[in-house]
Amino acid sequence: MAMVTSDRITLLNDVKPFKSTWKVEVKVLHSWTQRSNYPGGDSLQFILADKTGVKIHCTCKRLFLARVKKLQVGQWRFIENVSVTPAAGKYRPTSHAYKLTIISNSNVTNSSLKNDDEFLSLTTFPEIMNGSLDSNVLIDVIGQAIDIGDMQVVPVQGKETKKLELTLTDTEDHQIACCLWGRYAEQLLYTYKVGQVNKNFLCLLRFAKINFYKGNISTKILISIYLDLYFNLFQLFTLFVVGQVQITNAFDTSTLEINPPGFDVQDYIRLYVIRSYHNTF
């Protein structure tokens, strides 16, 4: 197939499946290898953002890896000629309705655009806890790490896997459970016990998964039901659905950064000290 080039740059919000001759200008935010036992083998996955901050998932099969050598994390690139298909399933790295797939005539070239924005889309703890979010879409979340437990080793799909449970707290005194697996658990525990950082530190977990399940720590989702009773009176019944909300890394899709620039752990420590003081009385 002949290579088709275009001078027109399309924003990510505007790409649609009806053609493959799109040209986009994007920054590579993250990349990872997705292992597979299926025909075609492993694939390379990317999370891309355009200058407006819109993000999209991009995938490249092993057959076309030579075409994405220039897609390096932190760099701006032009990508021409990509397949656009609906995004579906679990662990979707972005909320975009579509994803990009590198094809036989895809072309990646350098861009002169300079923009150091990491295009964070931080999700607040109340948004996570009230059950309003699509748990199939991964999120960015930041908080101070507290109540860090001991490293556990548990069997996962026949393999011994490291697991670390902790709590994240925000500047408004909201707390949420967090569970890290594998190298993410190792990274945080190293920071806490060995690393040359203060014991008070922030964790930025990008492209993280929301888990919902029954547990002892409860998040109360208020559902108000109005019933028409005698004499046209209305009575309010409140139903509390109890369960635990937990943040966890989504395999290698997620990234973990300790004390990211632009955030001050003191904003979190002050609140933690006040809370600890009140709990002593």
C-alpha atoms as a PDB file:
ATOM      1  CA  MET A   1       0.000   0.000   0.000  1.00  0.00           C
ATOM      2  CA  ALA A   2       1.348   3.416  -0.940  1.00  0.00           C
ATOM      3  CA  MET A   3       2.058   5.816   1.913  1.00  0.00           C
ATOM      4  CA  VAL A   4      -0.424   8.669   2.151  1.00  0.00           C
ATOM      5  CA  THR A   5       0.712  11.923   3.716  1.00  0.00           C
ATOM      6  CA  SER A   6      -1.236  14.998   4.701  1.00  0.00           C
ATOM      7  CA  ASP A   7      -0.319  18.463   5.922  1.00  0.00           C
ATOM      8  CA  ARG A   8      -3.522  18.792   7.907  1.00  0.00           C
ATOM      9  CA  ILE A   9      -3.171  17.978  11.605  1.00  0.00           C
ATOM     10  CA  THR A  10      -6.234  16.572  13.356  1.00  0.00           C
ATOM     11  CA  LEU A  11      -6.868  16.894  17.090  1.00  0.00           C
ATOM     12  CA  LEU A  12      -7.428  13.612  18.901  1.00  0.00           C
ATOM     13  CA  ASN A  13     -11.024  14.499  19.719  1.00  0.00           C
ATOM     14  CA  ASP A  14     -11.769  14.550  16.008  1.00  0.00           C
ATOM     15  CA  VAL A  15     -10.315  11.232  14.818  1.00  0.00           C
ATOM     16  CA  LYS A  16     -12.976   8.750  13.709  1.00  0.00           C
ATOM     17  CA  PRO A  17     -12.986   5.199  12.287  1.00  0.00           C
ATOM     18  CA  PHE A  18     -14.186   6.093   8.781  1.00  0.00           C
ATOM     19  CA  LYS A  19     -10.631   6.494   7.411  1.00  0.00           C
ATOM     20  CA  SER A  20      -6.993   5.770   8.279  1.00  0.00           C
ATOM     21  CA  THR A  21      -5.231   8.749   6.668  1.00  0.00           C
ATOM     22  CA  TRP A  22      -5.216  10.837   9.829  1.00  0.00           C
ATOM     23  CA  LYS A  23      -2.225  12.947  10.826  1.00  0.00           C
ATOM     24  CA  VAL A  24      -1.928  13.741  14.534  1.00  0.00           C
ATOM     25  CA  GLU A  25       0.670  15.588  16.604  1.00  0.00           C
ATOM     26  CA  VAL A  26       1.099  13.900  19.961  1.00  0.00           C
ATOM     27  CA  LYS A  27       3.307  13.584  23.010  1.00  0.00           C
ATOM     28  CA  VAL A  28       4.175  10.100  24.279  1.00  0.00           C
ATOM     29  CA  LEU A  29       3.181   9.999  27.961  1.00  0.00           C
ATOM     30  CA  HIS A  30       3.828   6.326  28.635  1.00  0.00           C
ATOM     31  CA  SER A  31       4.699   3.085  26.861  1.00  0.00           C
ATOM     32  CA  TRP A  32       4.867  -0.554  27.893  1.00  0.00           C
ATOM     33  CA  THR A  33       5.050  -4.037  26.422  1.00  0.00           C
ATOM     34  CA  GLN A  34       1.913  -6.146  26.616  1.00  0.00           C
ATOM     35  CA  ARG A  35       2.729  -9.837  26.812  1.00  0.00           C
ATOM     36  CA  SER A  36       0.612 -12.276  24.837  1.00  0.00           C
ATOM     37  CA  ASN A  37       0.523 -15.989  24.105  1.00  0.00           C
ATOM     38  CA  TYR A  38      -1.780 -15.443  21.143  1.00  0.00           C
ATOM     39  CA  PRO A  39      -0.647 -15.422  17.487  1.00  0.00           C
ATOM     40  CA  GLY A  40       1.128 -12.152  16.722  1.00  0.00           C
ATOM     41  CA  GLY A  41       2.952 -12.204  20.032  1.00  0.00           C
ATOM     42  CA  ASP A  42       3.730  -9.261  22.290  1.00  0.00           C
ATOM     43  CA  SER A  43       2.661  -5.747  21.374  1.00  0.00           C
ATOM     44  CA  LEU A  44       3.836  -2.273  22.288  1.00  0.00           C
ATOM     45  CA  GLN A  45       1.297   0.025  23.919  1.00  0.00           C
ATOM     46  CA  PHE A  46       1.356   3.823  24.132  1.00  0.00           C
ATOM     47  CA  ILE A  47      -0.603   6.572  25.837  1.00  0.00           C
ATOM     48  CA  LEU A  48      -0.528   9.706  23.698  1.00  0.00           C
ATOM     49  CA  ALA A  49      -1.757  13.264  24.277  1.00  0.00           C
ATOM     50  CA  ASP A  50      -2.243  16.197  21.920  1.00  0.00           C
ATOM     51  CA  LYS A  51      -1.637  19.861  22.737  1.00  0.00           C
ATOM     52  CA  THR A  52      -5.171  20.239  24.133  1.00  0.00           C
ATOM     53  CA  GLY A  53      -4.545  17.495  26.702  1.00  0.00           C
ATOM     54  CA  VAL A  54      -6.832  14.911  25.112  1.00  0.00           C
ATOM     55  CA  LYS A  55      -5.342  11.436  25.555  1.00  0.00           C
ATOM     56  CA  ILE A  56      -5.698   8.281  23.482  1.00  0.00           C
ATOM     57  CA  HIS A  57      -4.448   4.698  23.625  1.00  0.00           C
ATOM     58  CA  CYS A  58      -2.277   3.467  20.734  1.00  0.00           C
ATOM     59  CA  THR A  59      -1.193  -0.110  20.076  1.00  0.00           C
ATOM     60  CA  CYS A  60       1.422  -1.610  17.778  1.00  0.00           C
ATOM     61  CA  LYS A  61       1.780  -5.289  16.951  1.00  0.00           C
ATOM     62  CA  ARG A  62       5.238  -6.845  16.868  1.00  0.00           C
ATOM     63  CA  LEU A  63       5.099  -6.995  13.074  1.00  0.00           C
ATOM     64  CA  PHE A  64       5.191  -3.177  12.853  1.00  0.00           C
ATOM     65  CA  LEU A  65       7.549  -2.311  15.731  1.00  0.00           C
ATOM     66  CA  ALA A  66      10.077  -0.800  13.323  1.00  0.00           C
ATOM     67  CA  ARG A  67       7.546   1.914  12.512  1.00  0.00           C
ATOM     68  CA  VAL A  68       7.366   3.211  16.094  1.00  0.00           C
ATOM     69  CA  LYS A  69      11.048   3.460  17.003  1.00  0.00           C
ATOM     70  CA  LYS A  70      10.689   7.236  17.194  1.00  0.00           C
ATOM     71  CA  LEU A  71       7.789   7.060  19.666  1.00  0.00           C
ATOM     72  CA  GLN A  72       9.792   7.820  22.807  1.00  0.00           C
ATOM     73  CA  VAL A  73       8.319   8.845  26.158  1.00  0.00           C
ATOM     74  CA  GLY A  74       8.346  12.600  26.656  1.00  0.00           C
ATOM     75  CA  GLN A  75       8.774  13.423  22.976  1.00  0.00           C
ATOM     76  CA  TRP A  76       6.385  15.086  20.526  1.00  0.00           C
ATOM     77  CA  ARG A  77       5.834  13.282  17.247  1.00  0.00           C
ATOM     78  CA  PHE A  78       3.669  13.318  14.152  1.00  0.00           C
ATOM     79  CA  ILE A  79       1.877  10.050  13.378  1.00  0.00           C
ATOM     80  CA  GLU A  80       0.327   9.562   9.959  1.00  0.00           C
ATOM     81  CA  ASN A  81      -1.881   6.753   8.690  1.00  0.00           C
ATOM     82  CA  VAL A  82      -3.335   4.849  11.634  1.00  0.00           C
ATOM     83  CA  SER A  83      -6.336   2.634  12.099  1.00  0.00           C
ATOM     84  CA  VAL A  84      -9.044   4.031  14.412  1.00  0.00           C
ATOM     85  CA  THR A  85     -11.297   1.568  16.222  1.00  0.00           C
ATOM     86  CA  PRO A  86     -13.668   1.724  19.217  1.00  0.00           C
ATOM     87  CA  ALA A  87     -12.017   1.451  22.639  1.00  0.00           C
ATOM     88  CA  ALA A  88     -13.586  -1.310  24.701  1.00  0.00           C
ATOM     89  CA  GLY A  89     -12.964  -3.741  27.519  1.00  0.00           C
ATOM     90  CA  LYS A  90     -11.374  -3.386  30.938  1.00  0.00           C
ATOM     91  CA  TYR A  91      -8.299  -1.364  31.905  1.00  0.00           C
ATOM     92  CA  ARG A  92      -8.834   1.295  29.248  1.00  0.00           C
ATOM     93  CA  PRO A  93      -5.966   3.799  29.719  1.00  0.00           C
ATOM     94  CA  THR A  94      -8.032   6.779  28.569  1.00  0.00           C
ATOM     95  CA  SER A  95     -11.675   7.785  28.341  1.00  0.00           C
ATOM     96  CA  HIS A  96     -11.391   8.356  24.582  1.00  0.00           C
ATOM     97  CA  ALA A  97     -14.090   6.587  22.600  1.00  0.00           C
ATOM     98  CA  TYR A  98     -11.487   5.255  20.159  1.00  0.00           C
ATOM     99  CA  LYS A  99      -7.957   3.879  20.084  1.00  0.00           C
ATOM    100  CA  LEU A 100      -5.222   4.038  17.441  1.00  0.00           C
ATOM    101  CA  THR A 101      -3.491   1.054  15.880  1.00  0.00           C
ATOM    102  CA  ILE A 102      -0.236   1.218  13.941  1.00  0.00           C
ATOM    103  CA  ILE A 103      -0.604  -0.325  10.478  1.00  0.00           C
ATOM    104  CA  SER A 104       1.678  -1.267   7.590  1.00  0.00           C
ATOM    105  CA  ASN A 105       1.922   2.268   6.165  1.00  0.00           C
ATOM    106  CA  SER A 106       1.991   4.224   9.426  1.00  0.00           C
ATOM    107  CA  ASN A 107       4.686   6.890   9.568  1.00  0.00           C
ATOM    108  CA  VAL A 108       6.216   8.558  12.650  1.00  0.00           C
ATOM    109  CA  THR A 109       8.234  11.764  12.247  1.00  0.00           C
ATOM    110  CA  ASN A 110       9.724  14.394  14.559  1.00  0.00           C
ATOM    111  CA  SER A 111       7.755  17.413  15.735  1.00  0.00           C
ATOM    112  CA  SER A 112       9.236  20.761  16.740  1.00  0.00           C
ATOM    113  CA  LEU A 113       6.545  21.355  19.358  1.00  0.00           C
ATOM    114  CA  LYS A 114       7.901  22.022  22.861  1.00  0.00           C
ATOM    115  CA  ASN A 115       5.556  21.468  25.777  1.00  0.00           C
ATOM    116  CA  ASP A 116       6.594  19.907  29.091  1.00  0.00           C
ATOM    117  CA  ASP A 117       3.031  19.424  30.332  1.00  0.00           C
ATOM    118  CA  GLU A 118       2.409  15.880  31.571  1.00  0.00           C
ATOM    119  CA  PHE A 119      -1.333  16.343  31.034  1.00  0.00           C
ATOM    120  CA  LEU A 120      -2.380  15.029  34.422  1.00  0.00           C
ATOM    121  CA  SER A 121      -6.082  14.386  34.862  1.00  0.00           C
ATOM    122  CA  LEU A 122      -6.235  14.045  38.633  1.00  0.00           C
ATOM    123  CA  THR A 123      -9.343  12.422  40.016  1.00  0.00           C
ATOM    124  CA  THR A 124     -10.557  13.589  43.431  1.00  0.00           C
ATOM    125  CA  PHE A 125     -11.100  11.087  46.216  1.00  0.00           C
ATOM    126  CA  PRO A 126     -14.850  11.887  46.511  1.00  0.00           C
ATOM    127  CA  GLU A 127     -15.257  11.170  42.784  1.00  0.00           C
ATOM    128  CA  ILE A 128     -13.608   7.792  43.280  1.00  0.00           C
ATOM    129  CA  MET A 129     -15.559   6.946  46.413  1.00  0.00           C
ATOM    130  CA  ASN A 130     -19.064   7.917  45.319  1.00  0.00           C
ATOM    131  CA  GLY A 131     -19.238   5.278  42.613  1.00  0.00           C
ATOM    132  CA  SER A 132     -19.931   7.711  39.773  1.00  0.00           C
ATOM    133  CA  LEU A 133     -16.886   6.835  37.663  1.00  0.00           C
ATOM    134  CA  ASP A 134     -16.545   4.117  35.042  1.00  0.00           C
ATOM    135  CA  SER A 135     -14.253   1.616  36.760  1.00  0.00           C
ATOM    136  CA  ASN A 136     -13.144   0.266  33.374  1.00  0.00           C
ATOM    137  CA  VAL A 137     -11.330   3.547  32.654  1.00  0.00           C
ATOM    138  CA  LEU A 138      -7.982   4.102  34.386  1.00  0.00           C
ATOM    139  CA  ILE A 139      -7.400   7.282  36.393  1.00  0.00           C
ATOM    140  CA  ASP A 140      -4.656   9.531  37.801  1.00  0.00           C
ATOM    141  CA  VAL A 141      -4.610   9.914  41.589  1.00  0.00           C
ATOM    142  CA  ILE A 142      -2.242  11.495  44.111  1.00  0.00           C
ATOM    143  CA  GLY A 143      -2.076  11.254  47.884  1.00  0.00           C
ATOM    144  CA  GLN A 144       0.186  10.936  50.896  1.00  0.00           C
ATOM    145  CA  ALA A 145       1.089   7.323  51.652  1.00  0.00           C
ATOM    146  CA  ILE A 146       0.169   6.340  55.225  1.00  0.00           C
ATOM    147  CA  ASP A 147      -0.511   3.090  57.107  1.00  0.00           C
ATOM    148  CA  ILE A 148       1.942   1.208  54.903  1.00  0.00           C
ATOM    149  CA  GLY A 149       1.733  -2.510  55.614  1.00  0.00           C
ATOM    150  CA  ASP A 150       4.219  -5.338  55.254  1.00  0.00           C
ATOM    151  CA  MET A 151       5.093  -6.900  51.930  1.00  0.00           C
ATOM    152  CA  GLN A 152       3.043 -10.010  51.223  1.00  0.00           C
ATOM    153  CA  VAL A 153       3.658 -12.731  48.670  1.00  0.00           C
ATOM    154  CA  VAL A 154       0.497 -14.280  47.273  1.00  0.00           C
ATOM    155  CA  PRO A 155      -0.211 -16.669  44.393  1.00  0.00           C
ATOM    156  CA  VAL A 156      -1.649 -14.934  41.302  1.00  0.00           C
ATOM    157  CA  GLN A 157      -2.400 -17.076  38.271  1.00  0.00           C
ATOM    158  CA  GLY A 158       0.090 -19.669  39.449  1.00  0.00           C
ATOM    159  CA  LYS A 159       2.894 -17.175  40.161  1.00  0.00           C
ATOM    160  CA  GLU A 160       4.128 -15.839  43.488  1.00  0.00           C
ATOM    161  CA  THR A 161       3.455 -12.084  43.375  1.00  0.00           C
ATOM    162  CA  LYS A 162       4.381  -9.326  45.811  1.00  0.00           C
ATOM    163  CA  LYS A 163       1.554  -7.277  47.273  1.00  0.00           C
ATOM    164  CA  LEU A 164       1.596  -4.142  49.443  1.00  0.00           C
ATOM    165  CA  GLU A 165      -1.423  -2.520  51.071  1.00  0.00           C
ATOM    166  CA  LEU A 166      -1.502   1.099  52.234  1.00  0.00           C
ATOM    167  CA  THR A 167      -3.757   4.110  52.519  1.00  0.00           C
ATOM    168  CA  LEU A 168      -3.705   7.309  50.482  1.00  0.00           C
ATOM    169  CA  THR A 169      -4.940  10.549  52.018  1.00  0.00           C
ATOM    170  CA  ASP A 170      -5.663  13.858  50.294  1.00  0.00           C
ATOM    171  CA  THR A 171      -5.569  17.478  51.500  1.00  0.00           C
ATOM    172  CA  GLU A 172      -9.239  17.338  52.531  1.00  0.00           C
ATOM    173  CA  ASP A 173      -8.765  14.396  54.922  1.00  0.00           C
ATOM    174  CA  HIS A 174     -10.363  11.870  52.574  1.00  0.00           C
ATOM    175  CA  GLN A 175      -8.733   8.459  52.710  1.00  0.00           C
ATOM    176  CA  ILE A 176      -8.796   5.594  50.262  1.00  0.00           C
ATOM    177  CA  ALA A 177      -7.321   2.103  50.311  1.00  0.00           C
ATOM    178  CA  CYS A 178      -4.521   1.322  47.884  1.00  0.00           C
ATOM    179  CA  CYS A 179      -2.985  -1.997  46.878  1.00  0.00           C
ATOM    180  CA  LEU A 180       0.193  -2.205  44.815  1.00  0.00           C
ATOM    181  CA  TRP A 181       1.459  -5.312  43.055  1.00  0.00           C
ATOM    182  CA  GLY A 182       4.821  -6.529  41.802  1.00  0.00           C
ATOM    183  CA  ARG A 183       7.489  -3.932  41.044  1.00  0.00           C
ATOM    184  CA  TYR A 184       5.151  -1.118  42.129  1.00  0.00           C
ATOM    185  CA  ALA A 185       4.974  -2.638  45.621  1.00  0.00           C
ATOM    186  CA  GLU A 186       8.758  -2.990  45.650  1.00  0.00           C
ATOM    187  CA  GLN A 187       9.277   0.621  44.556  1.00  0.00           C
ATOM    188  CA  LEU A 188       7.062   2.071  47.274  1.00  0.00           C
ATOM    189  CA  LEU A 189       8.414  -0.123  50.062  1.00  0.00           C
ATOM    190  CA  TYR A 190      11.988   0.724  49.039  1.00  0.00           C
ATOM    191  CA  THR A 191      11.089   4.420  49.219  1.00  0.00           C
ATOM    192  CA  TYR A 192       9.552   3.956  52.649  1.00  0.00           C
ATOM    193  CA  LYS A 193      12.260   1.813  54.252  1.00  0.00           C
ATOM    194  CA  VAL A 194      15.476   2.311  52.314  1.00  0.00           C
ATOM    195  CA  GLY A 195      15.239   5.225  49.917  1.00  0.00           C
ATOM    196  CA  GLN A 196      16.778   8.589  50.668  1.00  0.00           C
ATOM    197  CA  VAL A 197      13.467  10.428  51.086  1.00  0.00           C
ATOM    198  CA  ASN A 198      11.496  11.658  54.066  1.00  0.00           C
ATOM    199  CA  LYS A 199       9.073   9.156  55.569  1.00  0.00           C
ATOM    200  CA  ASN A 200       6.320  11.577  54.574  1.00  0.00           C
ATOM    201  CA  PHE A 201       5.972  11.347  50.823  1.00  0.00           C
ATOM    202  CA  LEU A 202       3.434  11.656  48.049  1.00  0.00           C
ATOM    203  CA  CYS A 203       2.504   8.970  45.563  1.00  0.00           C
ATOM    204  CA  LEU A 204       1.307   9.836  42.089  1.00  0.00           C
ATOM    205  CA  LEU A 205      -0.279   6.761  40.557  1.00  0.00           C
ATOM    206  CA  ARG A 206      -1.158   7.321  36.900  1.00  0.00           C
ATOM    207  CA  PHE A 207      -3.445   5.105  34.857  1.00  0.00           C
ATOM    208  CA  ALA A 208      -4.585   3.320  37.996  1.00  0.00           C
ATOM    209  CA  LYS A 209      -7.579   1.034  38.368  1.00  0.00           C
ATOM    210  CA  ILE A 210     -10.579   1.476  40.669  1.00  0.00           C
ATOM    211  CA  ASN A 211     -11.668  -1.729  42.402  1.00  0.00           C
ATOM    212  CA  PHE A 212     -15.015  -2.136  44.143  1.00  0.00           C
ATOM    213  CA  TYR A 213     -15.719  -5.005  46.507  1.00  0.00           C
ATOM    214  CA  LYS A 214     -17.316  -5.721  49.865  1.00  0.00           C
ATOM    215  CA  GLY A 215     -15.146  -5.081  52.865  1.00  0.00           C
ATOM    216  CA  ASN A 216     -14.831  -3.632  56.339  1.00  0.00           C
ATOM    217  CA  ILE A 217     -13.951  -0.104  55.255  1.00  0.00           C
ATOM    218  CA  SER A 218     -17.141   1.322  53.880  1.00  0.00           C
ATOM    219  CA  THR A 219     -17.989   3.926  51.340  1.00  0.00           C
ATOM    220  CA  LYS A 220     -21.599   4.975  51.582  1.00  0.00           C
ATOM    221  CA  ILE A 221     -23.384   5.695  48.357  1.00  0.00           C
ATOM    222  CA  LEU A 222     -26.553   7.552  49.094  1.00  0.00           C
ATOM    223  CA  ILE A 223     -29.542   6.588  47.024  1.00  0.00           C
ATOM    224  CA  SER A 224     -32.629   8.652  47.727  1.00  0.00           C
ATOM    225  CA  ILE A 225     -35.986   7.140  46.896  1.00  0.00           C
ATOM    226  CA  TYR A 226     -39.160   9.187  47.164  1.00  0.00           C
ATOM    227  CA  LEU A 227     -42.415   7.249  47.581  1.00  0.00           C
ATOM    228  CA  ASP A 228     -45.860   8.725  47.162  1.00  0.00           C
ATOM    229  CA  LEU A 229     -47.729   7.868  50.361  1.00  0.00           C
ATOM    230  CA  TYR A 230     -51.161   8.707  51.759  1.00  0.00           C
ATOM    231  CA  PHE A 231     -52.333  12.328  51.608  1.00  0.00           C
ATOM    232  CA  ASN A 232     -49.782  13.053  48.866  1.00  0.00           C
ATOM    233  CA  LEU A 233     -47.013  13.105  51.427  1.00  0.00           C
ATOM    234  CA  PHE A 234     -43.506  12.077  50.462  1.00  0.00           C
ATOM    235  CA  GLN A 235     -41.243  10.089  52.672  1.00  0.00           C
ATOM    236  CA  LEU A 236     -37.525   9.866  52.063  1.00  0.00           C
ATOM    237  CA  PHE A 237     -35.902   6.476  52.403  1.00  0.00           C
ATOM    238  CA  THR A 238     -32.136   6.278  52.412  1.00  0.00           C
ATOM    239  CA  LEU A 239     -30.369   3.169  51.352  1.00  0.00           C
ATOM    240  CA  PHE A 240     -26.705   2.773  52.156  1.00  0.00           C
ATOM    241  CA  VAL A 241     -24.763   0.414  49.954  1.00  0.00           C
ATOM    242  CA  VAL A 242     -21.631  -0.629  51.784  1.00  0.00           C
ATOM    243  CA  GLY A 243     -18.438  -1.703  50.046  1.00  0.00           C
ATOM    244  CA  GLN A 244     -14.762  -0.927  49.758  1.00  0.00           C
ATOM    245  CA  VAL A 245     -13.179   1.188  47.099  1.00  0.00           C
ATOM    246  CA  GLN A 246      -9.546   0.459  46.390  1.00  0.00           C
ATOM    247  CA  ILE A 247      -6.974   1.927  44.020  1.00  0.00           C
ATOM    248  CA  THR A 248      -4.499  -0.464  42.432  1.00  0.00           C
ATOM    249  CA  ASN A 249      -1.983  -0.550  39.618  1.00  0.00           C
ATOM    250  CA  ALA A 250      -3.292  -2.014  36.364  1.00  0.00           C
ATOM    251  CA  PHE A 251      -0.425  -4.353  35.491  1.00  0.00           C
ATOM    252  CA  ASP A 252       2.293  -2.487  33.542  1.00  0.00           C
ATOM    253  CA  THR A 253      -0.148   0.123  32.262  1.00  0.00           C
ATOM    254  CA  SER A 254       0.238   2.187  35.430  1.00  0.00           C
ATOM    255  CA  THR A 255       3.111   4.425  36.492  1.00  0.00           C
ATOM    256  CA  LEU A 256       4.174   5.318  40.036  1.00  0.00           C
ATOM    257  CA  GLU A 257       6.053   8.509  40.889  1.00  0.00           C
ATOM    258  CA  ILE A 258       7.222   9.459  44.378  1.00  0.00           C
ATOM    259  CA  ASN A 259       7.094  13.145  45.332  1.00  0.00           C
ATOM    260  CA  PRO A 260       6.272  14.413  41.834  1.00  0.00           C
ATOM    261  CA  PRO A 261       7.258  18.031  41.096  1.00  0.00           C
ATOM    262  CA  GLY A 262       4.577  20.656  41.576  1.00  0.00           C
ATOM    263  CA  PHE A 263       3.053  19.115  44.707  1.00  0.00           C
ATOM    264  CA  ASP A 264       3.939  19.908  48.327  1.00  0.00           C
ATOM    265  CA  VAL A 265       3.780  17.069  50.825  1.00  0.00           C
ATOM    266  CA  GLN A 266       3.495  19.676  53.626  1.00  0.00           C
ATOM    267  CA  ASP A 267      -0.083  20.359  52.506  1.00  0.00           C
ATOM    268  CA  TYR A 268      -0.846  16.753  53.433  1.00  0.00           C
ATOM    269  CA  ILE A 269       1.327  16.505  56.554  1.00  0.00           C
ATOM    270  CA  ARG A 270      -0.342  19.468  58.281  1.00  0.00           C
ATOM    271  CA  LEU A 271      -3.731  17.807  57.967  1.00  0.00           C
ATOM    272  CA  TYR A 272      -2.349  14.462  59.141  1.00  0.00           C
ATOM    273  CA  VAL A 273      -0.853  16.084  62.266  1.00  0.00           C
ATOM    274  CA  ILE A 274      -4.140  17.824  63.089  1.00  0.00           C
ATOM    275  CA  ARG A 275      -6.090  14.588  62.653  1.00  0.00           C
ATOM    276  CA  SER A 276      -3.630  12.644  64.838  1.00  0.00           C
ATOM    277  CA  TYR A 277      -3.894  15.332  67.541  1.00  0.00           C
ATOM    278  CA  HIS A 278      -7.691  15.150  67.630  1.00  0.00           C
ATOM    279  CA  ASN A 279      -7.624  11.351  67.732  1.00  0.00           C
ATOM    280  CA  THR A 280      -5.684  11.435  71.007  1.00  0.00           C
ATOM    281  CA  PHE A 281      -8.567  13.097  72.845  1.00  0.00           C
END
